Amino acid sequence: MNRARIIAETAAQISRELDAAAIMVSGELSFEGIETGGIPVYYISMRPKSIIDHLVSTGKDGKNPIKELGDQINREAAGNSDHLQQAAAIEYVLGKLEDGIIVGVIETRSSSSIIVHNLDENPLIKAMKECQERIKPEVMSAIMKISFDIVLTGREGKKIGAAFIIGDSEEVLKRSHQLILNPYAGHDETYRNILDKRNWESIKEFSQLDGVFVVDENGIIQAAGRYLDVDAKNVDIDKGLGGRHVSAAAISRDTVAIAVTVSESGGIIRVYKDAKEIICMECLKPAVRYI
């Protein structure tokens, strides 16, 4: 029996015994003909750098290759775990996974690893649930799905950024003003409901406008193209982030709203609560379900 087959069968056996919610694979490991007991297999995008790549780049400078290999294995193991956690969190947000155990299989050109991950302990999912203490879960989920779509597809072939301020909308509106005429003013709630997927295209269209979306806790859009009148002093965010992120963090400090930003340049989704960045998520391509 070849190495790949042994790894796949071992992962499948662990998944069955743990009654896992899914198997997530980063790599090209095939599960064809392997009994998973009905547990679905998802293929996620791979991390780009392998141990061999690292050895080639570091083996020329006189460093001890054995120590370098050990150090890199430790780094790669930690990176693989983080990669799996983020991929699992994205699938959770997209509604493809529920709470439970995930068995991950990570392959590089030089090594393979099997990771058992409890979604209940996933830090990104925990942060999502923190937000849901203030906002209806379905509203937070819809905002995140729209944000992923903006990152992955942009608008008319161009990358765009966006910001959504959700909850405590009366206070947010008091602390902001329109940069342009509010495109949602006077419209029935049917056309402003973020839970209705038929409205998502117009939301993505208005994402191209300067300013932010203001959304109430029930998912009704109150305004787009809104400028936040906030004092950004003492707001501690990563250096290099623009005014959209600074003002989003500040409004989450001054109100009980949750702020979600989409970076135009890096495709990173960030969530701010009480002026703190509680989620920073690189938007990977959605996993492909195999079984």
Protein backbone atom coordinates (compact mmCIF):
# COMPACT_ATOMS: atom_id res chain seq x y z
CA MET A 1 0.00 0.00 0.00
CA ASN A 2 1.44 3.37 -0.96
CA ARG A 3 2.09 6.22 1.44
CA ALA A 4 -0.75 8.45 0.21
CA ARG A 5 -3.30 5.66 0.56
CA ILE A 6 -2.19 4.91 4.13
CA ILE A 7 -2.51 8.58 5.10
CA ALA A 8 -5.97 8.89 3.52
CA GLU A 9 -7.26 5.70 5.15
CA THR A 10 -5.83 6.74 8.52
CA ALA A 11 -7.54 10.15 8.27
CA ALA A 12 -10.81 8.46 7.29
CA GLN A 13 -10.58 6.02 10.23
CA ILE A 14 -9.90 8.85 12.70
CA SER A 15 -12.83 10.78 11.25
CA ARG A 16 -15.21 7.86 11.63
CA GLU A 17 -14.13 7.10 15.18
CA LEU A 18 -14.47 10.77 16.21
CA ASP A 19 -17.73 11.20 14.28
CA ALA A 20 -16.14 14.21 12.58
CA ALA A 21 -18.20 16.83 10.76
CA ALA A 22 -15.81 16.84 7.80
CA ILE A 23 -12.37 15.99 6.46
CA MET A 24 -10.50 19.00 5.08
CA VAL A 25 -7.58 18.41 2.73
CA SER A 26 -4.89 20.86 1.70
CA GLY A 27 -3.11 19.10 -1.15
CA GLU A 28 -3.97 16.52 -3.77
CA LEU A 29 -4.47 13.48 -1.56
CA SER A 30 -7.17 11.29 -3.11
CA PHE A 31 -9.98 9.74 -1.06
CA GLU A 32 -11.41 7.87 -4.04
CA GLY A 33 -12.52 4.39 -2.98
CA ILE A 34 -11.93 5.10 0.72
CA GLU A 35 -14.84 4.61 3.12
CA THR A 36 -15.47 7.77 5.12
CA GLY A 37 -18.79 6.71 6.60
CA GLY A 38 -20.58 9.51 4.79
CA ILE A 39 -18.29 12.20 6.20
CA PRO A 40 -17.75 14.83 3.47
CA VAL A 41 -14.26 15.64 2.20
CA TYR A 42 -13.40 19.26 1.35
CA TYR A 43 -10.35 20.40 -0.61
CA ILE A 44 -8.97 23.76 0.48
CA SER A 45 -6.38 25.99 -1.16
CA MET A 46 -2.80 25.06 -0.31
CA ARG A 47 -0.23 27.09 1.56
CA PRO A 48 2.48 28.15 -0.89
CA LYS A 49 5.75 27.40 0.91
CA SER A 50 7.10 23.95 1.73
CA ILE A 51 9.97 22.66 3.85
CA ILE A 52 12.00 21.88 0.75
CA ASP A 53 11.58 25.46 -0.48
CA HIS A 54 12.90 26.68 2.85
CA LEU A 55 15.90 24.33 2.84
CA VAL A 56 16.89 25.40 -0.65
CA SER A 57 16.80 29.06 0.38
CA THR A 58 18.62 28.58 3.71
CA GLY A 59 21.04 25.77 2.92
CA LYS A 60 23.41 28.13 1.13
CA ASP A 61 24.32 30.35 4.04
CA GLY A 62 26.25 27.92 6.23
CA LYS A 63 23.48 27.22 8.73
CA ASN A 64 23.03 23.76 10.21
CA PRO A 65 20.55 22.07 7.82
CA ILE A 66 19.29 19.62 10.48
CA LYS A 67 18.50 22.39 12.96
CA GLU A 68 16.96 24.46 10.16
CA LEU A 69 14.78 21.52 9.19
CA GLY A 70 13.59 21.05 12.77
CA ASP A 71 12.84 24.75 13.15
CA GLN A 72 10.99 24.81 9.84
CA ILE A 73 8.95 21.70 10.70
CA ASN A 74 7.80 23.44 13.89
CA ARG A 75 6.92 26.62 11.99
CA GLU A 76 5.18 24.69 9.25
CA ALA A 77 3.16 22.64 11.74
CA ALA A 78 1.96 25.84 13.41
CA GLY A 79 1.25 27.45 10.05
CA ASN A 80 -0.67 24.42 8.82
CA SER A 81 -2.81 24.42 11.94
CA ASP A 82 -3.59 28.14 11.50
CA HIS A 83 -4.35 27.56 7.83
CA LEU A 84 -6.79 24.78 8.66
CA GLN A 85 -8.46 26.84 11.39
CA GLN A 86 -9.02 29.73 9.01
CA ALA A 87 -10.35 27.49 6.22
CA ALA A 88 -12.70 25.78 8.68
CA ALA A 89 -13.91 29.16 9.97
CA ILE A 90 -14.68 30.32 6.43
CA GLU A 91 -16.70 27.17 5.72
CA TYR A 92 -18.52 27.68 9.04
CA VAL A 93 -19.39 31.26 8.08
CA LEU A 94 -20.58 30.11 4.67
CA GLY A 95 -22.89 27.63 6.39
CA LYS A 96 -21.15 24.49 5.10
CA LEU A 97 -19.95 23.32 8.52
CA GLU A 98 -21.56 23.16 11.93
CA ASP A 99 -20.00 22.71 15.35
CA GLY A 100 -17.94 19.57 15.82
CA ILE A 101 -14.62 17.95 14.99
CA ILE A 102 -12.71 18.56 11.76
CA VAL A 103 -9.96 16.20 10.65
CA GLY A 104 -7.43 18.03 8.50
CA VAL A 105 -4.89 16.50 6.17
CA ILE A 106 -2.12 18.89 5.14
CA GLU A 107 0.31 17.97 2.37
CA THR A 108 3.43 19.70 1.18
CA ARG A 109 6.02 18.38 -1.24
CA SER A 110 8.04 16.99 1.66
CA SER A 111 5.64 16.06 4.43
CA SER A 112 2.08 15.21 5.41
CA SER A 113 0.27 15.82 8.67
CA ILE A 114 -3.12 14.92 10.15
CA ILE A 115 -4.67 17.54 12.42
CA VAL A 116 -7.73 17.11 14.65
CA HIS A 117 -9.46 20.45 15.15
CA ASN A 118 -12.45 21.25 17.37
CA LEU A 119 -14.59 23.96 15.81
CA ASP A 120 -15.88 24.91 19.26
CA GLU A 121 -12.34 26.05 20.10
CA ASN A 122 -11.69 27.82 16.79
CA PRO A 123 -10.70 31.40 17.76
CA LEU A 124 -12.29 32.93 14.65
CA ILE A 125 -15.58 31.12 15.25
CA LYS A 126 -15.48 32.13 18.92
CA ALA A 127 -15.07 35.76 17.82
CA MET A 128 -18.01 35.39 15.43
CA LYS A 129 -20.16 34.14 18.29
CA GLU A 130 -19.09 37.14 20.40
CA CYS A 131 -20.48 39.40 17.70
CA GLN A 132 -23.70 37.40 17.66
CA GLU A 133 -24.33 38.46 21.25
CA ARG A 134 -25.12 41.91 19.82
CA ILE A 135 -26.30 41.07 16.30
CA LYS A 136 -28.54 38.32 15.03
CA PRO A 137 -26.39 35.39 13.84
CA GLU A 138 -28.00 35.37 10.41
CA VAL A 139 -27.21 39.07 9.95
CA MET A 140 -23.54 38.61 10.86
CA SER A 141 -23.35 35.57 8.59
CA ALA A 142 -24.88 37.49 5.66
CA ILE A 143 -22.44 40.39 6.10
CA MET A 144 -19.49 38.01 6.12
CA LYS A 145 -20.73 36.16 3.03
CA ILE A 146 -21.12 39.44 1.15
CA SER A 147 -17.64 40.48 2.29
CA PHE A 148 -16.16 37.21 0.99
CA ASP A 149 -17.92 37.75 -2.32
CA ILE A 150 -16.54 41.29 -2.59
CA VAL A 151 -13.01 40.00 -1.99
CA LEU A 152 -13.26 37.08 -4.42
CA THR A 153 -15.15 38.73 -7.30
CA GLY A 154 -14.77 42.48 -6.86
CA ARG A 155 -16.93 44.54 -9.17
CA GLU A 156 -16.62 44.53 -12.95
CA GLY A 157 -13.21 42.92 -12.69
CA LYS A 158 -11.84 45.47 -10.22
CA LYS A 159 -10.90 44.96 -6.59
CA ILE A 160 -12.98 47.03 -4.21
CA GLY A 161 -13.07 47.66 -0.47
CA ALA A 162 -16.06 48.11 1.80
CA ALA A 163 -17.11 48.71 5.39
CA PHE A 164 -20.28 47.67 7.21
CA ILE A 165 -21.28 49.13 10.58
CA ILE A 166 -23.84 46.80 12.10
CA GLY A 167 -26.11 47.42 15.07
CA ASP A 168 -26.76 50.48 17.30
CA SER A 169 -27.73 52.22 14.05
CA GLU A 170 -29.37 55.26 15.68
CA GLU A 171 -26.15 56.17 17.46
CA VAL A 172 -24.08 55.45 14.36
CA LEU A 173 -26.28 57.73 12.25
CA LYS A 174 -25.92 60.49 14.86
CA ARG A 175 -22.13 60.19 14.61
CA SER A 176 -21.96 60.27 10.81
CA HIS A 177 -23.15 62.15 7.74
CA GLN A 178 -23.79 61.46 4.08
CA LEU A 179 -21.00 61.92 1.54
CA ILE A 180 -23.58 61.53 -1.22
CA LEU A 181 -27.33 61.17 -1.36
CA ASN A 182 -28.31 58.03 0.53
CA PRO A 183 -29.22 55.47 -2.19
CA TYR A 184 -31.41 53.55 0.28
CA ALA A 185 -33.45 56.53 1.52
CA GLY A 186 -37.19 56.12 1.05
CA HIS A 187 -37.03 52.51 -0.10
CA ASP A 188 -39.15 49.76 1.39
CA GLU A 189 -37.42 47.43 3.86
CA THR A 190 -37.82 44.61 1.34
CA TYR A 191 -35.14 46.23 -0.82
CA ARG A 192 -32.91 47.11 2.14
CA ASN A 193 -32.87 43.73 3.86
CA ILE A 194 -29.39 42.27 3.84
CA LEU A 195 -30.80 38.79 4.52
CA ASP A 196 -32.45 38.74 1.09
CA LYS A 197 -29.87 37.49 -1.42
CA ARG A 198 -31.69 39.32 -4.21
CA ASN A 199 -30.34 42.55 -2.69
CA TRP A 200 -26.70 41.47 -2.61
CA GLU A 201 -25.87 42.64 -6.13
CA SER A 202 -27.00 46.17 -5.37
CA ILE A 203 -25.01 46.10 -2.13
CA LYS A 204 -21.88 45.15 -4.06
CA GLU A 205 -22.63 47.90 -6.56
CA PHE A 206 -22.90 50.52 -3.80
CA SER A 207 -19.70 49.18 -2.22
CA GLN A 208 -17.85 51.17 -4.85
CA LEU A 209 -19.04 54.39 -3.21
CA ASP A 210 -16.89 56.17 -0.66
CA GLY A 211 -18.13 55.77 2.88
CA VAL A 212 -19.69 52.94 4.86
CA PHE A 213 -22.92 50.98 5.05
CA VAL A 214 -24.99 51.43 8.20
CA VAL A 215 -27.01 48.31 8.99
CA ASP A 216 -29.32 47.79 11.97
CA GLU A 217 -29.29 44.70 14.17
CA ASN A 218 -32.12 43.15 12.12
CA GLY A 219 -30.20 43.44 8.86
CA ILE A 220 -31.99 46.45 7.40
CA ILE A 221 -29.63 48.84 5.61
CA GLN A 222 -30.16 52.38 6.87
CA ALA A 223 -27.62 54.11 4.65
CA ALA A 224 -24.71 53.73 2.26
CA GLY A 225 -22.05 56.28 1.35
CA ARG A 226 -21.89 57.40 4.98
CA TYR A 227 -18.91 59.24 6.49
CA LEU A 228 -18.15 58.52 10.15
CA ASP A 229 -17.58 61.57 12.34
CA VAL A 230 -15.35 59.97 14.93
CA ASP A 231 -12.22 60.86 16.85
CA ALA A 232 -9.61 58.25 15.99
CA LYS A 233 -7.28 59.16 18.85
CA ASN A 234 -6.10 56.21 20.92
CA VAL A 235 -7.37 53.71 18.35
CA ASP A 236 -4.72 51.02 18.10
CA ILE A 237 -4.81 49.21 14.75
CA ASP A 238 -2.13 47.80 12.47
CA LYS A 239 0.04 50.42 10.83
CA GLY A 240 -0.55 50.94 7.14
CA LEU A 241 -4.32 50.49 7.30
CA GLY A 242 -6.33 53.34 5.84
CA GLY A 243 -9.00 55.68 7.12
CA ARG A 244 -11.79 53.15 6.56
CA HIS A 245 -10.27 50.81 9.15
CA VAL A 246 -9.42 53.56 11.62
CA SER A 247 -12.93 55.04 11.58
CA ALA A 248 -14.51 51.56 11.72
CA ALA A 249 -12.50 50.71 14.83
CA ALA A 250 -13.33 54.09 16.38
CA ILE A 251 -17.11 53.80 15.83
CA SER A 252 -17.01 50.34 17.46
CA ARG A 253 -15.45 52.06 20.48
CA ASP A 254 -17.99 54.91 20.66
CA THR A 255 -21.07 52.71 20.10
CA VAL A 256 -21.97 49.05 20.60
CA ALA A 257 -21.91 48.47 16.86
CA ILE A 258 -19.78 45.80 15.16
CA ALA A 259 -17.63 46.98 12.24
CA VAL A 260 -16.63 44.76 9.31
CA THR A 261 -14.09 46.02 6.80
CA VAL A 262 -12.89 44.62 3.49
CA SER A 263 -9.43 45.71 2.40
CA GLU A 264 -9.25 46.69 -1.25
CA SER A 265 -5.55 45.99 -1.61
CA GLY A 266 -4.99 42.85 0.45
CA GLY A 267 -8.33 41.07 0.35
CA ILE A 268 -8.37 40.87 4.16
CA ILE A 269 -11.61 40.92 6.14
CA ARG A 270 -11.39 42.45 9.60
CA VAL A 271 -13.98 42.71 12.35
CA TYR A 272 -13.81 45.34 15.10
CA LYS A 273 -15.63 45.25 18.44
CA ASP A 274 -15.04 47.79 21.21
CA ALA A 275 -12.18 49.26 19.12
CA LYS A 276 -10.38 45.92 19.05
CA GLU A 277 -9.70 43.80 16.00
CA ILE A 278 -11.24 40.47 16.93
CA ILE A 279 -11.12 38.84 13.48
CA CYS A 280 -8.51 39.17 10.75
CA MET A 281 -9.25 36.72 7.99
CA GLU A 282 -7.53 36.25 4.66
CA CYS A 283 -10.26 35.25 2.25
CA LEU A 284 -9.35 31.87 0.79
CA LYS A 285 -11.28 30.39 -2.09
CA PRO A 286 -14.21 28.32 -0.76
CA ALA A 287 -13.42 24.65 -0.26
CA VAL A 288 -14.56 22.19 -2.91
CA ARG A 289 -16.67 19.34 -1.58
CA TYR A 290 -15.67 15.91 -2.86
CA ILE A 291 -17.99 13.50 -1.02
